[in-house]
Amino acid sequence: MVRLAVIIASTRNGRFGPTVAEWFTVRARRRGDLEIDLVDLAETRLPSTLCDHDEAVPPRVAEFGARLATADAFVVVTPEYNRSFPAPLKTAIDWLYEEWHAKPVAFVAYGRESGGLHAVAQLRQIFTELHAVPIAATISLPCYWDLFAADGTWPKATAACNAAVTPLLDQIVWWARALRDARTARPYTA
């Protein structure tokens, strides 16, 4: 089994992130080779002020870090706000360091016409700096409100995002296994 942490980045009231994450995790669970931990940043309530290296880590951060340390891979579900990603996601990323090392990360992004791709471009740079491995496959949901079916179900059967899930999961599982085997054979050092 591959342990996959799916991180909901938005913490806004009325946010769409949980809807996207639910859609994605339902499809991911169908595979049978994934153990999914849904990490909602709105529920973690991480402090917004980072501590110094010689200070004790707050309990909420330690709990969050422990969850991510056990993950083999990450999928970040993020909106795009003002051509970027939400500030709570950056804080969550910055609280940790080694937990990200030598693990694959994929993105499911949503937004207006760009479909969240501006946010993804920035996140790829940040995760690379943290020695994570951003994978090529990305799910982008431009004008996501148009993907709803008339009866309120989501997304429409004809939406392109439905076909994008399998390639993304195939890539994240391959990379997760390869990197887990590599970390087991030789611990990663940054």
N, C-alpha and C. Protein backbone atom coordinates (compact mmCIF):
# COMPACT_ATOMS: atom_id res chain seq x y z
N MET A 1 0.84 -1.19 0.00
CA MET A 1 0.00 0.00 0.00
C MET A 1 0.88 1.25 0.00
N VAL A 2 0.42 2.26 -0.71
CA VAL A 2 1.07 3.57 -0.72
C VAL A 2 0.25 4.49 0.17
N ARG A 3 0.91 5.11 1.12
CA ARG A 3 0.24 6.05 2.03
C ARG A 3 0.25 7.44 1.37
N LEU A 4 -0.95 7.91 1.03
CA LEU A 4 -1.11 9.17 0.30
C LEU A 4 -1.81 10.19 1.19
N ALA A 5 -1.14 11.31 1.45
CA ALA A 5 -1.76 12.41 2.18
C ALA A 5 -2.35 13.38 1.15
N VAL A 6 -3.65 13.58 1.21
CA VAL A 6 -4.34 14.53 0.34
C VAL A 6 -4.59 15.77 1.19
N ILE A 7 -3.98 16.88 0.82
CA ILE A 7 -4.00 18.10 1.63
C ILE A 7 -4.96 19.11 1.01
N ILE A 8 -5.98 19.50 1.78
CA ILE A 8 -6.92 20.55 1.35
C ILE A 8 -6.33 21.88 1.78
N ALA A 9 -5.95 22.71 0.81
CA ALA A 9 -5.21 23.94 1.09
C ALA A 9 -6.07 25.12 1.52
N SER A 10 -7.28 25.20 1.05
CA SER A 10 -8.12 26.36 1.35
C SER A 10 -8.71 26.26 2.74
N THR A 11 -8.71 27.38 3.44
CA THR A 11 -9.32 27.45 4.77
C THR A 11 -10.46 28.46 4.82
N ARG A 12 -10.83 29.02 3.69
CA ARG A 12 -11.89 30.04 3.63
C ARG A 12 -13.26 29.47 3.99
N ASN A 13 -14.12 30.33 4.52
CA ASN A 13 -15.52 29.95 4.68
C ASN A 13 -16.13 29.77 3.30
N GLY A 14 -16.99 28.79 3.13
CA GLY A 14 -17.64 28.54 1.85
C GLY A 14 -16.71 28.00 0.79
N ARG A 15 -15.59 27.47 1.17
CA ARG A 15 -14.58 27.00 0.22
C ARG A 15 -15.05 25.79 -0.59
N PHE A 16 -14.42 25.61 -1.73
CA PHE A 16 -14.75 24.53 -2.64
C PHE A 16 -13.79 23.34 -2.49
N GLY A 17 -12.68 23.54 -1.80
CA GLY A 17 -11.66 22.52 -1.65
C GLY A 17 -12.16 21.17 -1.16
N PRO A 18 -13.00 21.12 -0.12
CA PRO A 18 -13.49 19.81 0.33
C PRO A 18 -14.27 19.05 -0.76
N THR A 19 -14.98 19.77 -1.61
CA THR A 19 -15.72 19.13 -2.71
C THR A 19 -14.74 18.48 -3.68
N VAL A 20 -13.70 19.21 -4.04
CA VAL A 20 -12.70 18.68 -4.97
C VAL A 20 -11.98 17.50 -4.32
N ALA A 21 -11.60 17.64 -3.07
CA ALA A 21 -10.89 16.57 -2.37
C ALA A 21 -11.74 15.31 -2.25
N GLU A 22 -13.01 15.48 -1.99
CA GLU A 22 -13.90 14.32 -1.89
C GLU A 22 -14.01 13.61 -3.24
N TRP A 23 -14.19 14.38 -4.30
CA TRP A 23 -14.24 13.79 -5.65
C TRP A 23 -12.96 13.00 -5.94
N PHE A 24 -11.82 13.61 -5.65
CA PHE A 24 -10.54 12.97 -5.93
C PHE A 24 -10.33 11.73 -5.06
N THR A 25 -10.59 11.82 -3.78
CA THR A 25 -10.32 10.68 -2.89
C THR A 25 -11.26 9.51 -3.15
N VAL A 26 -12.51 9.78 -3.55
CA VAL A 26 -13.41 8.68 -3.90
C VAL A 26 -12.81 7.88 -5.05
N ARG A 27 -12.30 8.56 -6.05
CA ARG A 27 -11.71 7.87 -7.19
C ARG A 27 -10.39 7.18 -6.80
N ALA A 28 -9.61 7.82 -5.96
CA ALA A 28 -8.35 7.23 -5.53
C ALA A 28 -8.57 5.95 -4.72
N ARG A 29 -9.58 5.95 -3.88
CA ARG A 29 -9.86 4.77 -3.04
C ARG A 29 -10.30 3.56 -3.88
N ARG A 30 -10.80 3.79 -5.06
CA ARG A 30 -11.23 2.69 -5.93
C ARG A 30 -10.06 1.81 -6.37
N ARG A 31 -8.87 2.33 -6.32
CA ARG A 31 -7.69 1.59 -6.80
C ARG A 31 -7.36 0.39 -5.92
N GLY A 32 -7.48 0.55 -4.64
CA GLY A 32 -7.14 -0.54 -3.73
C GLY A 32 -5.68 -0.61 -3.33
N ASP A 33 -4.82 0.26 -3.89
CA ASP A 33 -3.41 0.24 -3.51
C ASP A 33 -3.00 1.50 -2.76
N LEU A 34 -3.99 2.27 -2.31
CA LEU A 34 -3.71 3.52 -1.61
C LEU A 34 -4.37 3.54 -0.23
N GLU A 35 -3.63 4.00 0.74
CA GLU A 35 -4.17 4.30 2.06
C GLU A 35 -4.18 5.83 2.15
N ILE A 36 -5.36 6.42 2.24
CA ILE A 36 -5.47 7.88 2.12
C ILE A 36 -5.71 8.54 3.47
N ASP A 37 -4.93 9.58 3.73
CA ASP A 37 -5.11 10.43 4.89
C ASP A 37 -5.52 11.80 4.37
N LEU A 38 -6.77 12.18 4.61
CA LEU A 38 -7.27 13.48 4.16
C LEU A 38 -6.92 14.52 5.22
N VAL A 39 -6.05 15.45 4.85
CA VAL A 39 -5.53 16.46 5.77
C VAL A 39 -6.14 17.80 5.38
N ASP A 40 -7.05 18.29 6.19
CA ASP A 40 -7.73 19.56 5.93
C ASP A 40 -7.06 20.65 6.75
N LEU A 41 -6.41 21.60 6.08
CA LEU A 41 -5.70 22.66 6.80
C LEU A 41 -6.63 23.51 7.65
N ALA A 42 -7.91 23.56 7.30
CA ALA A 42 -8.86 24.30 8.14
C ALA A 42 -9.04 23.62 9.49
N GLU A 43 -8.85 22.32 9.53
CA GLU A 43 -9.00 21.57 10.78
C GLU A 43 -7.70 21.47 11.57
N THR A 44 -6.56 21.55 10.92
CA THR A 44 -5.29 21.44 11.64
C THR A 44 -5.02 22.67 12.50
N ARG A 45 -5.54 23.80 12.08
CA ARG A 45 -5.37 25.06 12.80
C ARG A 45 -3.92 25.31 13.23
N LEU A 46 -3.05 25.24 12.24
CA LEU A 46 -1.63 25.48 12.50
C LEU A 46 -1.40 26.94 12.86
N PRO A 47 -0.50 27.22 13.79
CA PRO A 47 -0.18 28.63 14.10
C PRO A 47 0.40 29.32 12.87
N SER A 48 0.09 30.59 12.72
CA SER A 48 0.59 31.32 11.55
C SER A 48 1.99 31.88 11.79
N THR A 49 2.44 31.89 13.03
CA THR A 49 3.78 32.38 13.35
C THR A 49 4.70 31.19 13.57
N LEU A 50 5.73 31.11 12.76
CA LEU A 50 6.68 30.02 12.88
C LEU A 50 7.62 30.27 14.06
N CYS A 51 8.04 29.19 14.68
CA CYS A 51 8.98 29.35 15.80
C CYS A 51 10.41 29.25 15.28
N ASP A 52 11.34 29.65 16.13
CA ASP A 52 12.75 29.58 15.78
C ASP A 52 13.24 28.15 15.94
N HIS A 53 14.40 27.84 15.41
CA HIS A 53 14.92 26.47 15.43
C HIS A 53 15.14 25.93 16.83
N ASP A 54 15.43 26.80 17.80
CA ASP A 54 15.69 26.32 19.16
C ASP A 54 14.44 26.33 20.05
N GLU A 55 13.29 26.64 19.48
CA GLU A 55 12.04 26.65 20.24
C GLU A 55 11.28 25.33 20.03
N ALA A 56 10.49 24.99 21.02
CA ALA A 56 9.67 23.78 20.93
C ALA A 56 8.60 23.96 19.87
N VAL A 57 8.34 22.91 19.13
CA VAL A 57 7.31 22.93 18.10
C VAL A 57 5.95 22.81 18.79
N PRO A 58 4.97 23.65 18.44
CA PRO A 58 3.64 23.56 19.04
C PRO A 58 3.02 22.18 18.78
N PRO A 59 2.19 21.70 19.71
CA PRO A 59 1.59 20.36 19.57
C PRO A 59 0.84 20.17 18.25
N ARG A 60 0.10 21.17 17.78
CA ARG A 60 -0.63 21.02 16.52
C ARG A 60 0.33 20.79 15.35
N VAL A 61 1.47 21.45 15.39
CA VAL A 61 2.46 21.28 14.32
C VAL A 61 3.08 19.89 14.41
N ALA A 62 3.36 19.43 15.63
CA ALA A 62 3.92 18.10 15.81
C ALA A 62 2.96 17.03 15.29
N GLU A 63 1.66 17.19 15.55
CA GLU A 63 0.66 16.24 15.06
C GLU A 63 0.61 16.26 13.53
N PHE A 64 0.60 17.45 12.97
CA PHE A 64 0.58 17.61 11.52
C PHE A 64 1.84 16.98 10.91
N GLY A 65 2.98 17.26 11.49
CA GLY A 65 4.23 16.70 10.99
C GLY A 65 4.26 15.19 11.05
N ALA A 66 3.72 14.62 12.12
CA ALA A 66 3.69 13.16 12.25
C ALA A 66 2.83 12.53 11.16
N ARG A 67 1.72 13.16 10.84
CA ARG A 67 0.86 12.64 9.77
C ARG A 67 1.59 12.66 8.44
N LEU A 68 2.27 13.75 8.15
CA LEU A 68 2.96 13.86 6.87
C LEU A 68 4.23 13.01 6.82
N ALA A 69 4.86 12.79 7.96
CA ALA A 69 6.07 11.96 7.99
C ALA A 69 5.74 10.52 7.59
N THR A 70 4.55 10.05 7.91
CA THR A 70 4.18 8.67 7.57
C THR A 70 3.71 8.53 6.13
N ALA A 71 3.50 9.63 5.44
CA ALA A 71 3.02 9.58 4.05
C ALA A 71 4.16 9.19 3.11
N ASP A 72 3.81 8.45 2.08
CA ASP A 72 4.76 8.13 1.00
C ASP A 72 4.67 9.15 -0.12
N ALA A 73 3.55 9.87 -0.19
CA ALA A 73 3.31 10.81 -1.28
C ALA A 73 2.25 11.82 -0.85
N PHE A 74 2.18 12.91 -1.59
CA PHE A 74 1.23 13.98 -1.29
C PHE A 74 0.47 14.40 -2.55
N VAL A 75 -0.79 14.73 -2.36
CA VAL A 75 -1.56 15.43 -3.39
C VAL A 75 -2.11 16.68 -2.72
N VAL A 76 -1.79 17.83 -3.29
CA VAL A 76 -2.24 19.11 -2.75
C VAL A 76 -3.43 19.57 -3.58
N VAL A 77 -4.56 19.76 -2.92
CA VAL A 77 -5.77 20.28 -3.55
C VAL A 77 -5.81 21.77 -3.23
N THR A 78 -5.59 22.59 -4.25
CA THR A 78 -5.44 24.02 -3.98
C THR A 78 -6.24 24.90 -4.94
N PRO A 79 -6.81 25.97 -4.40
CA PRO A 79 -7.38 26.99 -5.27
C PRO A 79 -6.28 27.94 -5.72
N GLU A 80 -6.62 28.78 -6.66
CA GLU A 80 -5.73 29.86 -7.03
C GLU A 80 -6.37 31.16 -6.58
N TYR A 81 -5.65 31.88 -5.74
CA TYR A 81 -6.08 33.20 -5.29
C TYR A 81 -5.07 34.22 -5.81
N ASN A 82 -5.52 35.17 -6.60
CA ASN A 82 -4.64 36.24 -7.07
C ASN A 82 -3.35 35.72 -7.70
N ARG A 83 -3.49 34.72 -8.57
CA ARG A 83 -2.37 34.10 -9.31
C ARG A 83 -1.40 33.34 -8.40
N SER A 84 -1.87 32.94 -7.23
CA SER A 84 -1.03 32.20 -6.31
C SER A 84 -1.88 31.21 -5.52
N PHE A 85 -1.35 30.68 -4.45
CA PHE A 85 -2.05 29.71 -3.62
C PHE A 85 -2.32 30.33 -2.25
N PRO A 86 -3.14 29.71 -1.42
CA PRO A 86 -3.52 30.30 -0.14
C PRO A 86 -2.35 30.39 0.85
N ALA A 87 -2.33 31.46 1.62
CA ALA A 87 -1.29 31.67 2.63
C ALA A 87 -1.22 30.54 3.66
N PRO A 88 -2.34 29.98 4.13
CA PRO A 88 -2.22 28.87 5.09
C PRO A 88 -1.46 27.67 4.54
N LEU A 89 -1.50 27.45 3.22
CA LEU A 89 -0.74 26.36 2.63
C LEU A 89 0.76 26.66 2.74
N LYS A 90 1.16 27.88 2.46
CA LYS A 90 2.59 28.23 2.58
C LYS A 90 3.05 28.06 4.02
N THR A 91 2.24 28.46 4.97
CA THR A 91 2.60 28.29 6.38
C THR A 91 2.75 26.81 6.71
N ALA A 92 1.80 26.00 6.25
CA ALA A 92 1.87 24.55 6.50
C ALA A 92 3.13 23.95 5.89
N ILE A 93 3.47 24.36 4.70
CA ILE A 93 4.68 23.86 4.05
C ILE A 93 5.91 24.27 4.85
N ASP A 94 5.96 25.53 5.27
CA ASP A 94 7.13 26.06 5.95
C ASP A 94 7.34 25.51 7.35
N TRP A 95 6.29 25.01 7.99
CA TRP A 95 6.44 24.42 9.31
C TRP A 95 7.30 23.16 9.27
N LEU A 96 7.33 22.49 8.13
CA LEU A 96 8.01 21.20 8.04
C LEU A 96 9.20 21.29 7.08
N TYR A 97 10.08 20.30 7.17
CA TYR A 97 11.21 20.26 6.25
C TYR A 97 11.48 18.82 5.83
N GLU A 98 11.99 18.01 6.72
CA GLU A 98 12.35 16.64 6.38
C GLU A 98 11.14 15.79 5.98
N GLU A 99 9.97 16.13 6.46
CA GLU A 99 8.77 15.37 6.13
C GLU A 99 8.47 15.37 4.63
N TRP A 100 8.95 16.37 3.91
CA TRP A 100 8.72 16.48 2.48
C TRP A 100 9.79 15.77 1.65
N HIS A 101 10.94 15.52 2.23
CA HIS A 101 12.11 15.04 1.48
C HIS A 101 11.86 13.74 0.72
N ALA A 102 12.31 13.73 -0.52
CA ALA A 102 12.34 12.54 -1.38
C ALA A 102 10.98 11.84 -1.45
N LYS A 103 9.93 12.63 -1.52
CA LYS A 103 8.57 12.10 -1.68
C LYS A 103 7.90 12.84 -2.83
N PRO A 104 7.08 12.14 -3.61
CA PRO A 104 6.41 12.80 -4.73
C PRO A 104 5.23 13.64 -4.26
N VAL A 105 4.99 14.68 -5.02
CA VAL A 105 3.83 15.54 -4.75
C VAL A 105 3.15 15.84 -6.08
N ALA A 106 1.82 15.77 -6.06
CA ALA A 106 1.01 16.09 -7.24
C ALA A 106 0.01 17.16 -6.84
N PHE A 107 -0.62 17.76 -7.84
CA PHE A 107 -1.51 18.89 -7.59
C PHE A 107 -2.85 18.71 -8.29
N VAL A 108 -3.90 19.03 -7.56
CA VAL A 108 -5.25 19.15 -8.10
C VAL A 108 -5.64 20.59 -7.82
N ALA A 109 -5.72 21.39 -8.87
CA ALA A 109 -5.91 22.83 -8.70
C ALA A 109 -7.19 23.29 -9.37
N TYR A 110 -7.77 24.33 -8.81
CA TYR A 110 -8.99 24.88 -9.38
C TYR A 110 -8.95 26.40 -9.28
N GLY A 111 -9.67 27.03 -10.20
CA GLY A 111 -9.71 28.49 -10.23
C GLY A 111 -10.51 28.98 -11.41
N ARG A 112 -10.26 30.20 -11.74
CA ARG A 112 -10.97 30.79 -12.88
C ARG A 112 -10.40 30.18 -14.17
N GLU A 113 -10.14 30.98 -15.16
CA GLU A 113 -9.72 30.47 -16.46
C GLU A 113 -8.41 29.70 -16.40
N SER A 114 -7.51 30.05 -15.51
CA SER A 114 -6.22 29.37 -15.41
C SER A 114 -6.33 27.99 -14.78
N GLY A 115 -7.44 27.70 -14.13
CA GLY A 115 -7.62 26.40 -13.49
C GLY A 115 -6.64 26.13 -12.35
N GLY A 116 -6.07 27.18 -11.80
CA GLY A 116 -5.14 27.02 -10.68
C GLY A 116 -3.70 26.78 -11.09
N LEU A 117 -3.41 26.85 -12.39
CA LEU A 117 -2.06 26.52 -12.84
C LEU A 117 -1.00 27.53 -12.42
N HIS A 118 -1.39 28.77 -12.14
CA HIS A 118 -0.41 29.74 -11.62
C HIS A 118 0.03 29.31 -10.22
N ALA A 119 -0.91 28.85 -9.43
CA ALA A 119 -0.59 28.35 -8.09
C ALA A 119 0.32 27.13 -8.18
N VAL A 120 0.01 26.23 -9.08
CA VAL A 120 0.79 25.00 -9.23
C VAL A 120 2.23 25.33 -9.64
N ALA A 121 2.42 26.29 -10.54
CA ALA A 121 3.77 26.65 -10.98
C ALA A 121 4.62 27.10 -9.79
N GLN A 122 4.04 27.89 -8.92
CA GLN A 122 4.78 28.35 -7.74
C GLN A 122 5.03 27.21 -6.77
N LEU A 123 4.04 26.35 -6.58
CA LEU A 123 4.20 25.23 -5.65
C LEU A 123 5.27 24.25 -6.14
N ARG A 124 5.40 24.07 -7.43
CA ARG A 124 6.46 23.19 -7.95
C ARG A 124 7.84 23.70 -7.52
N GLN A 125 8.05 25.00 -7.60
CA GLN A 125 9.33 25.58 -7.20
C GLN A 125 9.58 25.38 -5.70
N ILE A 126 8.56 25.61 -4.92
CA ILE A 126 8.71 25.49 -3.46
C ILE A 126 8.99 24.05 -3.05
N PHE A 127 8.23 23.11 -3.58
CA PHE A 127 8.45 21.71 -3.21
C PHE A 127 9.79 21.19 -3.71
N THR A 128 10.25 21.67 -4.85
CA THR A 128 11.58 21.28 -5.32
C THR A 128 12.65 21.76 -4.34
N GLU A 129 12.50 22.95 -3.82
CA GLU A 129 13.43 23.48 -2.83
C GLU A 129 13.45 22.62 -1.57
N LEU A 130 12.33 22.00 -1.26
CA LEU A 130 12.23 21.14 -0.07
C LEU A 130 12.60 19.69 -0.37
N HIS A 131 13.20 19.45 -1.51
CA HIS A 131 13.66 18.12 -1.92
C HIS A 131 12.52 17.13 -2.11
N ALA A 132 11.33 17.64 -2.37
CA ALA A 132 10.21 16.79 -2.78
C ALA A 132 10.30 16.65 -4.31
N VAL A 133 9.49 15.76 -4.87
CA VAL A 133 9.55 15.51 -6.31
C VAL A 133 8.18 15.80 -6.92
N PRO A 134 7.98 17.02 -7.45
CA PRO A 134 6.71 17.31 -8.13
C PRO A 134 6.60 16.46 -9.40
N ILE A 135 5.49 15.75 -9.55
CA ILE A 135 5.32 14.90 -10.72
C ILE A 135 4.69 15.69 -11.86
N ALA A 136 4.80 15.16 -13.05
CA ALA A 136 4.31 15.87 -14.24
C ALA A 136 2.80 15.99 -14.28
N ALA A 137 2.10 14.92 -13.94
CA ALA A 137 0.63 14.94 -14.05
C ALA A 137 0.03 15.94 -13.06
N THR A 138 -0.89 16.73 -13.56
CA THR A 138 -1.61 17.71 -12.74
C THR A 138 -3.07 17.70 -13.19
N ILE A 139 -3.97 17.88 -12.25
CA ILE A 139 -5.38 18.04 -12.61
C ILE A 139 -5.71 19.52 -12.42
N SER A 140 -6.19 20.13 -13.47
CA SER A 140 -6.55 21.55 -13.47
C SER A 140 -8.04 21.68 -13.75
N LEU A 141 -8.71 22.45 -12.92
CA LEU A 141 -10.15 22.64 -13.04
C LEU A 141 -10.46 24.12 -13.33
N PRO A 142 -10.37 24.53 -14.61
CA PRO A 142 -10.70 25.91 -14.95
C PRO A 142 -12.22 26.14 -14.85
N CYS A 143 -12.58 27.30 -14.36
CA CYS A 143 -14.01 27.64 -14.22
C CYS A 143 -14.76 26.45 -13.63
N TYR A 144 -14.30 25.99 -12.51
CA TYR A 144 -14.80 24.75 -11.89
C TYR A 144 -16.30 24.76 -11.66
N TRP A 145 -16.90 25.91 -11.51
CA TRP A 145 -18.34 25.98 -11.28
C TRP A 145 -19.14 25.48 -12.49
N ASP A 146 -18.51 25.47 -13.67
CA ASP A 146 -19.18 24.95 -14.86
C ASP A 146 -19.18 23.43 -14.94
N LEU A 147 -18.46 22.77 -14.06
CA LEU A 147 -18.35 21.32 -14.10
C LEU A 147 -19.50 20.61 -13.41
N PHE A 148 -20.33 21.36 -12.70
CA PHE A 148 -21.44 20.74 -11.99
C PHE A 148 -22.52 20.29 -12.97
N ALA A 149 -23.13 19.15 -12.69
CA ALA A 149 -24.26 18.68 -13.47
C ALA A 149 -25.51 19.44 -13.03
N ALA A 150 -26.56 19.39 -13.84
CA ALA A 150 -27.79 20.12 -13.54
C ALA A 150 -28.40 19.67 -12.22
N ASP A 151 -28.24 18.41 -11.83
CA ASP A 151 -28.81 17.93 -10.57
C ASP A 151 -27.92 18.20 -9.36
N GLY A 152 -26.80 18.90 -9.58
CA GLY A 152 -25.92 19.26 -8.48
C GLY A 152 -24.80 18.29 -8.24
N THR A 153 -24.77 17.18 -8.96
CA THR A 153 -23.67 16.25 -8.78
C THR A 153 -22.42 16.84 -9.42
N TRP A 154 -21.30 16.32 -9.03
CA TRP A 154 -20.04 16.88 -9.51
C TRP A 154 -19.06 15.79 -9.76
N PRO A 155 -18.23 15.87 -10.77
CA PRO A 155 -18.40 16.73 -11.94
C PRO A 155 -19.25 16.03 -13.00
N LYS A 156 -19.54 16.75 -14.05
CA LYS A 156 -20.28 16.16 -15.15
C LYS A 156 -19.48 14.98 -15.71
N ALA A 157 -20.18 13.98 -16.19
CA ALA A 157 -19.50 12.79 -16.71
C ALA A 157 -18.56 13.11 -17.86
N THR A 158 -18.86 14.18 -18.59
CA THR A 158 -18.03 14.55 -19.75
C THR A 158 -16.85 15.44 -19.38
N ALA A 159 -16.71 15.83 -18.13
CA ALA A 159 -15.62 16.72 -17.72
C ALA A 159 -14.27 16.03 -17.90
N ALA A 160 -13.31 16.75 -18.47
CA ALA A 160 -11.99 16.19 -18.76
C ALA A 160 -11.26 15.74 -17.50
N CYS A 161 -11.58 16.34 -16.37
CA CYS A 161 -10.88 15.97 -15.13
C CYS A 161 -11.11 14.52 -14.75
N ASN A 162 -12.22 13.94 -15.14
CA ASN A 162 -12.48 12.54 -14.83
C ASN A 162 -11.41 11.63 -15.43
N ALA A 163 -11.00 11.91 -16.65
CA ALA A 163 -9.98 11.10 -17.31
C ALA A 163 -8.58 11.40 -16.80
N ALA A 164 -8.40 12.52 -16.12
CA ALA A 164 -7.07 12.92 -15.65
C ALA A 164 -6.68 12.24 -14.33
N VAL A 165 -7.64 11.67 -13.62
CA VAL A 165 -7.34 11.08 -12.31
C VAL A 165 -6.43 9.87 -12.44
N THR A 166 -6.74 8.96 -13.34
CA THR A 166 -5.96 7.72 -13.44
C THR A 166 -4.49 7.98 -13.77
N PRO A 167 -4.15 8.79 -14.78
CA PRO A 167 -2.72 9.04 -15.04
C PRO A 167 -2.01 9.69 -13.86
N LEU A 168 -2.68 10.60 -13.17
CA LEU A 168 -2.06 11.24 -12.00
C LEU A 168 -1.79 10.20 -10.92
N LEU A 169 -2.77 9.36 -10.63
CA LEU A 169 -2.58 8.35 -9.60
C LEU A 169 -1.54 7.31 -10.01
N ASP A 170 -1.51 6.94 -11.28
CA ASP A 170 -0.50 6.01 -11.75
C ASP A 170 0.91 6.57 -11.51
N GLN A 171 1.09 7.85 -11.84
CA GLN A 171 2.40 8.47 -11.66
C GLN A 171 2.76 8.61 -10.18
N ILE A 172 1.83 9.06 -9.37
CA ILE A 172 2.15 9.28 -7.95
C ILE A 172 2.47 7.95 -7.27
N VAL A 173 1.75 6.89 -7.61
CA VAL A 173 2.02 5.58 -7.01
C VAL A 173 3.39 5.07 -7.46
N TRP A 174 3.70 5.21 -8.76
CA TRP A 174 5.00 4.75 -9.24
C TRP A 174 6.12 5.47 -8.50
N TRP A 175 6.04 6.80 -8.45
CA TRP A 175 7.08 7.59 -7.79
C TRP A 175 7.13 7.30 -6.29
N ALA A 176 5.98 7.13 -5.67
CA ALA A 176 5.96 6.84 -4.23
C ALA A 176 6.69 5.54 -3.92
N ARG A 177 6.43 4.52 -4.70
CA ARG A 177 7.09 3.22 -4.48
C ARG A 177 8.60 3.32 -4.76
N ALA A 178 8.95 3.96 -5.87
CA ALA A 178 10.37 4.07 -6.23
C ALA A 178 11.14 4.85 -5.17
N LEU A 179 10.57 5.97 -4.72
CA LEU A 179 11.27 6.79 -3.74
C LEU A 179 11.27 6.14 -2.35
N ARG A 180 10.20 5.44 -2.01
CA ARG A 180 10.18 4.73 -0.72
C ARG A 180 11.26 3.64 -0.72
N ASP A 181 11.36 2.89 -1.81
CA ASP A 181 12.41 1.87 -1.91
C ASP A 181 13.79 2.51 -1.81
N ALA A 182 13.98 3.64 -2.46
CA ALA A 182 15.27 4.33 -2.43
C ALA A 182 15.59 4.83 -1.02
N ARG A 183 14.60 5.40 -0.33
CA ARG A 183 14.83 5.88 1.05
C ARG A 183 15.14 4.73 1.99
N THR A 184 14.52 3.57 1.74
CA THR A 184 14.77 2.40 2.57
C THR A 184 16.18 1.87 2.34
N ALA A 185 16.60 1.81 1.09
CA ALA A 185 17.93 1.31 0.75
C ALA A 185 19.04 2.26 1.20
N ARG A 186 18.77 3.55 1.10
CA ARG A 186 19.77 4.54 1.45
C ARG A 186 19.04 5.79 1.94
N PRO A 187 19.07 6.08 3.24
CA PRO A 187 18.36 7.25 3.76
C PRO A 187 18.75 8.53 3.01
N TYR A 188 17.75 9.35 2.76
CA TYR A 188 17.96 10.58 2.01
C TYR A 188 18.61 11.63 2.89
N THR A 189 19.58 12.34 2.35
CA THR A 189 20.21 13.44 3.07
C THR A 189 20.15 14.67 2.18
N ALA A 190 19.76 15.77 2.77
CA ALA A 190 19.64 17.03 2.02
C ALA A 190 20.92 17.82 2.09
